[in-house]
Amino acid sequence: MKKQAQSSHCFVCGVENPSGLKMKFYDVAPGVVETTHIVSADYQGYPGVVHGGIIASMMDEVMGRVFMGTDDPRFMVTAELKIRYRKPVPILQKLTLRGEAVNDNGRVARATGTIHGPDGALLVEGEIVVANIPERLVPPMDHQTLGWKVYPDQEEVG
């Protein structure tokens, strides 16, 4: 398992975003990304249930990251996102998210994803189509300066 980079201010993975989820993602196999996460009560819709928009954000991130890689990140934008809410997603419980690549033509790619509850039940399924950001729209960036790097997990901090 190899930890992917995080951003400093991204809503889903930003380590310095006070309103963000601060999620961490790991490459577990080529084209497969996983994470576990406990969603706080700050992100609930109905009492005890994660808001659907937060679920969509988490799914967008885990599925899009299957094409990102760890060493020379490939940044893409979401062209299409489909979410199937199978069961309510609980707050304050350990969730397992998984994204898997389906195909990639080098410019446009497709992936699937899932969220499972603490008992292993399938809660959410999704599909995503992502496209490369055209180089002409993105200036050359120093990822480290932008806060894009692998931040150590708490248990790694000595």
C-alpha atoms as a PDB file:
ATOM      1  CA  MET A   1       0.000   0.000   0.000  1.00  0.00           C
ATOM      2  CA  LYS A   2       1.428   3.374  -1.024  1.00  0.00           C
ATOM      3  CA  LYS A   3       0.015   6.608   0.329  1.00  0.00           C
ATOM      4  CA  GLN A   4      -0.992   9.205  -2.246  1.00  0.00           C
ATOM      5  CA  ALA A   5      -0.244  12.898  -1.940  1.00  0.00           C
ATOM      6  CA  GLN A   6      -2.724  15.245  -0.328  1.00  0.00           C
ATOM      7  CA  SER A   7      -3.368  18.909  -0.907  1.00  0.00           C
ATOM      8  CA  SER A   8      -3.105  21.603   1.682  1.00  0.00           C
ATOM      9  CA  HIS A   9      -6.571  23.072   0.929  1.00  0.00           C
ATOM     10  CA  CYS A  10      -8.689  20.575  -1.068  1.00  0.00           C
ATOM     11  CA  PHE A  11     -12.119  20.047   0.512  1.00  0.00           C
ATOM     12  CA  VAL A  12     -11.785  16.254   0.490  1.00  0.00           C
ATOM     13  CA  CYS A  13      -8.067  15.679   1.150  1.00  0.00           C
ATOM     14  CA  GLY A  14      -6.711  19.060   2.298  1.00  0.00           C
ATOM     15  CA  VAL A  15      -4.783  18.750   5.531  1.00  0.00           C
ATOM     16  CA  GLU A  16      -5.060  22.471   6.329  1.00  0.00           C
ATOM     17  CA  ASN A  17      -8.682  23.000   5.288  1.00  0.00           C
ATOM     18  CA  PRO A  18     -10.604  23.635   8.539  1.00  0.00           C
ATOM     19  CA  SER A  19     -13.908  22.712   6.837  1.00  0.00           C
ATOM     20  CA  GLY A  20     -12.525  19.729   4.908  1.00  0.00           C
ATOM     21  CA  LEU A  21     -12.737  15.979   5.348  1.00  0.00           C
ATOM     22  CA  LYS A  22      -8.921  15.507   5.475  1.00  0.00           C
ATOM     23  CA  MET A  23      -9.171  12.083   3.821  1.00  0.00           C
ATOM     24  CA  LYS A  24      -6.090   9.980   3.003  1.00  0.00           C
ATOM     25  CA  PHE A  25      -5.885   7.676  -0.018  1.00  0.00           C
ATOM     26  CA  TYR A  26      -3.700   4.677  -0.765  1.00  0.00           C
ATOM     27  CA  ASP A  27      -2.733   2.846  -3.951  1.00  0.00           C
ATOM     28  CA  VAL A  28      -3.334  -0.822  -3.138  1.00  0.00           C
ATOM     29  CA  ALA A  29      -2.772  -2.204  -6.648  1.00  0.00           C
ATOM     30  CA  PRO A  30      -2.362  -0.710 -10.120  1.00  0.00           C
ATOM     31  CA  GLY A  31      -5.559   1.230 -10.823  1.00  0.00           C
ATOM     32  CA  VAL A  32      -7.014   0.573  -7.358  1.00  0.00           C
ATOM     33  CA  VAL A  33      -7.285   3.143  -4.552  1.00  0.00           C
ATOM     34  CA  GLU A  34      -8.712   2.540  -1.079  1.00  0.00           C
ATOM     35  CA  THR A  35      -9.245   4.386   2.147  1.00  0.00           C
ATOM     36  CA  THR A  36     -11.184   4.183   5.362  1.00  0.00           C
ATOM     37  CA  HIS A  37     -12.811   7.215   6.890  1.00  0.00           C
ATOM     38  CA  ILE A  38     -15.130   8.191   9.729  1.00  0.00           C
ATOM     39  CA  VAL A  39     -17.368  11.099   8.739  1.00  0.00           C
ATOM     40  CA  SER A  40     -18.021  13.546  11.570  1.00  0.00           C
ATOM     41  CA  ALA A  41     -21.460  14.821  12.534  1.00  0.00           C
ATOM     42  CA  ASP A  42     -20.543  18.143  10.879  1.00  0.00           C
ATOM     43  CA  TYR A  43     -21.350  16.560   7.507  1.00  0.00           C
ATOM     44  CA  GLN A  44     -24.701  14.970   8.203  1.00  0.00           C
ATOM     45  CA  GLY A  45     -27.886  15.614   6.275  1.00  0.00           C
ATOM     46  CA  TYR A  46     -30.648  13.804   8.117  1.00  0.00           C
ATOM     47  CA  PRO A  47     -29.750  12.974  11.716  1.00  0.00           C
ATOM     48  CA  GLY A  48     -27.122  10.238  11.811  1.00  0.00           C
ATOM     49  CA  VAL A  49     -26.713  10.101   8.011  1.00  0.00           C
ATOM     50  CA  VAL A  50     -23.946  11.594   5.835  1.00  0.00           C
ATOM     51  CA  HIS A  51     -25.242  14.323   3.491  1.00  0.00           C
ATOM     52  CA  GLY A  52     -25.571  13.105  -0.114  1.00  0.00           C
ATOM     53  CA  GLY A  53     -23.366  15.896  -1.433  1.00  0.00           C
ATOM     54  CA  ILE A  54     -20.564  14.876   0.914  1.00  0.00           C
ATOM     55  CA  ILE A  55     -20.938  11.275  -0.270  1.00  0.00           C
ATOM     56  CA  ALA A  56     -20.703  12.453  -3.884  1.00  0.00           C
ATOM     57  CA  SER A  57     -17.535  14.421  -3.052  1.00  0.00           C
ATOM     58  CA  MET A  58     -15.920  11.401  -1.408  1.00  0.00           C
ATOM     59  CA  MET A  59     -16.847   9.153  -4.350  1.00  0.00           C
ATOM     60  CA  ASP A  60     -15.584  11.720  -6.883  1.00  0.00           C
ATOM     61  CA  GLU A  61     -12.236  11.772  -5.090  1.00  0.00           C
ATOM     62  CA  VAL A  62     -11.713   8.020  -4.609  1.00  0.00           C
ATOM     63  CA  MET A  63     -12.661   7.210  -8.200  1.00  0.00           C
ATOM     64  CA  GLY A  64     -10.695  10.077  -9.764  1.00  0.00           C
ATOM     65  CA  ARG A  65      -7.584   9.180  -7.790  1.00  0.00           C
ATOM     66  CA  VAL A  66      -7.185   5.792  -9.482  1.00  0.00           C
ATOM     67  CA  PHE A  67      -5.568   7.645 -12.400  1.00  0.00           C
ATOM     68  CA  MET A  68      -3.577  10.103 -10.318  1.00  0.00           C
ATOM     69  CA  GLY A  69      -0.573   8.009  -9.332  1.00  0.00           C
ATOM     70  CA  THR A  70       1.836   8.855  -6.571  1.00  0.00           C
ATOM     71  CA  ASP A  71       5.100  10.072  -8.089  1.00  0.00           C
ATOM     72  CA  ASP A  72       4.154  12.357 -11.016  1.00  0.00           C
ATOM     73  CA  PRO A  73       0.481  13.158 -10.386  1.00  0.00           C
ATOM     74  CA  ARG A  74      -1.954  13.314 -13.273  1.00  0.00           C
ATOM     75  CA  PHE A  75      -4.626  15.910 -12.579  1.00  0.00           C
ATOM     76  CA  MET A  76      -7.987  15.399 -14.273  1.00  0.00           C
ATOM     77  CA  VAL A  77     -11.437  16.959 -14.093  1.00  0.00           C
ATOM     78  CA  THR A  78     -14.738  15.192 -13.671  1.00  0.00           C
ATOM     79  CA  ALA A  79     -16.780  15.038 -16.878  1.00  0.00           C
ATOM     80  CA  GLU A  80     -19.543  12.776 -15.555  1.00  0.00           C
ATOM     81  CA  LEU A  81     -20.398  11.412 -12.130  1.00  0.00           C
ATOM     82  CA  LYS A  82     -23.057   8.808 -11.369  1.00  0.00           C
ATOM     83  CA  ILE A  83     -23.905   7.844  -7.807  1.00  0.00           C
ATOM     84  CA  ARG A  84     -26.255   5.093  -6.631  1.00  0.00           C
ATOM     85  CA  TYR A  85     -27.221   5.537  -3.004  1.00  0.00           C
ATOM     86  CA  ARG A  86     -28.100   1.982  -1.906  1.00  0.00           C
ATOM     87  CA  LYS A  87     -28.440   2.488   1.855  1.00  0.00           C
ATOM     88  CA  PRO A  88     -28.006   5.413   4.270  1.00  0.00           C
ATOM     89  CA  VAL A  89     -24.346   6.161   5.000  1.00  0.00           C
ATOM     90  CA  PRO A  90     -23.864   6.566   8.753  1.00  0.00           C
ATOM     91  CA  ILE A  91     -21.838   9.301  10.414  1.00  0.00           C
ATOM     92  CA  LEU A  92     -19.318   8.418  13.129  1.00  0.00           C
ATOM     93  CA  GLN A  93     -18.707   4.899  11.789  1.00  0.00           C
ATOM     94  CA  LYS A  94     -15.780   3.476   9.839  1.00  0.00           C
ATOM     95  CA  LEU A  95     -16.463   3.477   6.108  1.00  0.00           C
ATOM     96  CA  THR A  96     -14.361   1.771   3.430  1.00  0.00           C
ATOM     97  CA  LEU A  97     -14.089   3.485   0.056  1.00  0.00           C
ATOM     98  CA  ARG A  98     -12.610   1.847  -3.035  1.00  0.00           C
ATOM     99  CA  GLY A  99     -12.019   3.113  -6.569  1.00  0.00           C
ATOM    100  CA  GLU A 100     -11.067   0.912  -9.524  1.00  0.00           C
ATOM    101  CA  ALA A 101      -9.982   1.886 -13.024  1.00  0.00           C
ATOM    102  CA  VAL A 102     -12.159   0.601 -15.869  1.00  0.00           C
ATOM    103  CA  ASN A 103     -10.423   2.083 -18.907  1.00  0.00           C
ATOM    104  CA  ASP A 104      -8.081   4.911 -19.858  1.00  0.00           C
ATOM    105  CA  ASN A 105      -7.408   6.143 -23.381  1.00  0.00           C
ATOM    106  CA  GLY A 106      -4.784   8.645 -22.235  1.00  0.00           C
ATOM    107  CA  ARG A 107      -7.100  11.653 -22.416  1.00  0.00           C
ATOM    108  CA  VAL A 108     -10.390  10.389 -20.983  1.00  0.00           C
ATOM    109  CA  ALA A 109     -10.726   7.654 -18.377  1.00  0.00           C
ATOM    110  CA  ARG A 110     -13.473   5.802 -16.523  1.00  0.00           C
ATOM    111  CA  ALA A 111     -13.586   4.247 -13.053  1.00  0.00           C
ATOM    112  CA  THR A 112     -16.033   2.700 -10.606  1.00  0.00           C
ATOM    113  CA  GLY A 113     -16.232   3.029  -6.859  1.00  0.00           C
ATOM    114  CA  THR A 114     -17.959   1.833  -3.728  1.00  0.00           C
ATOM    115  CA  ILE A 115     -18.540   2.724  -0.106  1.00  0.00           C
ATOM    116  CA  HIS A 116     -19.044  -0.113   2.355  1.00  0.00           C
ATOM    117  CA  GLY A 117     -20.233   0.253   5.935  1.00  0.00           C
ATOM    118  CA  PRO A 118     -18.552  -1.095   9.073  1.00  0.00           C
ATOM    119  CA  ASP A 119     -20.402  -4.407   8.655  1.00  0.00           C
ATOM    120  CA  GLY A 120     -19.281  -4.735   5.015  1.00  0.00           C
ATOM    121  CA  ALA A 121     -22.683  -3.814   3.562  1.00  0.00           C
ATOM    122  CA  LEU A 122     -22.631  -2.009   0.205  1.00  0.00           C
ATOM    123  CA  LEU A 123     -23.926   1.512   0.813  1.00  0.00           C
ATOM    124  CA  VAL A 124     -22.980   3.432  -2.341  1.00  0.00           C
ATOM    125  CA  GLU A 125     -21.853   2.601  -5.883  1.00  0.00           C
ATOM    126  CA  GLY A 126     -20.593   5.015  -8.473  1.00  0.00           C
ATOM    127  CA  GLU A 127     -19.071   5.590 -11.881  1.00  0.00           C
ATOM    128  CA  ILE A 128     -16.946   8.469 -13.074  1.00  0.00           C
ATOM    129  CA  VAL A 129     -15.617   9.781 -16.361  1.00  0.00           C
ATOM    130  CA  VAL A 130     -12.598  12.056 -15.987  1.00  0.00           C
ATOM    131  CA  ALA A 131     -10.596  13.996 -18.563  1.00  0.00           C
ATOM    132  CA  ASN A 132      -7.095  15.408 -18.577  1.00  0.00           C
ATOM    133  CA  ILE A 133      -6.899  19.114 -17.893  1.00  0.00           C
ATOM    134  CA  PRO A 134      -5.623  20.652 -21.159  1.00  0.00           C
ATOM    135  CA  GLU A 135      -2.018  21.733 -20.675  1.00  0.00           C
ATOM    136  CA  ARG A 136      -2.776  25.156 -22.151  1.00  0.00           C
ATOM    137  CA  LEU A 137      -5.144  25.817 -19.209  1.00  0.00           C
ATOM    138  CA  VAL A 138      -2.733  24.785 -16.475  1.00  0.00           C
ATOM    139  CA  PRO A 139       0.492  26.694 -15.934  1.00  0.00           C
ATOM    140  CA  PRO A 140       3.565  24.665 -14.924  1.00  0.00           C
ATOM    141  CA  MET A 141       3.311  24.037 -11.187  1.00  0.00           C
ATOM    142  CA  ASP A 142       5.616  23.155  -8.393  1.00  0.00           C
ATOM    143  CA  HIS A 143       3.446  20.646  -6.544  1.00  0.00           C
ATOM    144  CA  GLN A 144       5.360  21.043  -3.260  1.00  0.00           C
ATOM    145  CA  THR A 145       4.867  24.822  -3.264  1.00  0.00           C
ATOM    146  CA  LEU A 146       1.129  24.301  -3.788  1.00  0.00           C
ATOM    147  CA  GLY A 147       1.018  22.017  -0.755  1.00  0.00           C
ATOM    148  CA  TRP A 148       0.646  18.861  -2.866  1.00  0.00           C
ATOM    149  CA  LYS A 149       2.740  16.173  -1.169  1.00  0.00           C
ATOM    150  CA  VAL A 150       2.564  13.028   0.888  1.00  0.00           C
ATOM    151  CA  TYR A 151       1.884  14.104   4.452  1.00  0.00           C
ATOM    152  CA  PRO A 152       2.837  11.560   7.125  1.00  0.00           C
ATOM    153  CA  ASP A 153       0.045   9.713   8.891  1.00  0.00           C
ATOM    154  CA  GLN A 154      -0.217  10.464  12.607  1.00  0.00           C
ATOM    155  CA  GLU A 155       1.248   7.101  13.542  1.00  0.00           C
ATOM    156  CA  GLU A 156       4.265   7.850  11.304  1.00  0.00           C
ATOM    157  CA  VAL A 157       5.085  11.098  13.118  1.00  0.00           C
ATOM    158  CA  GLY A 158       7.868  10.533  15.614  1.00  0.00           C
END
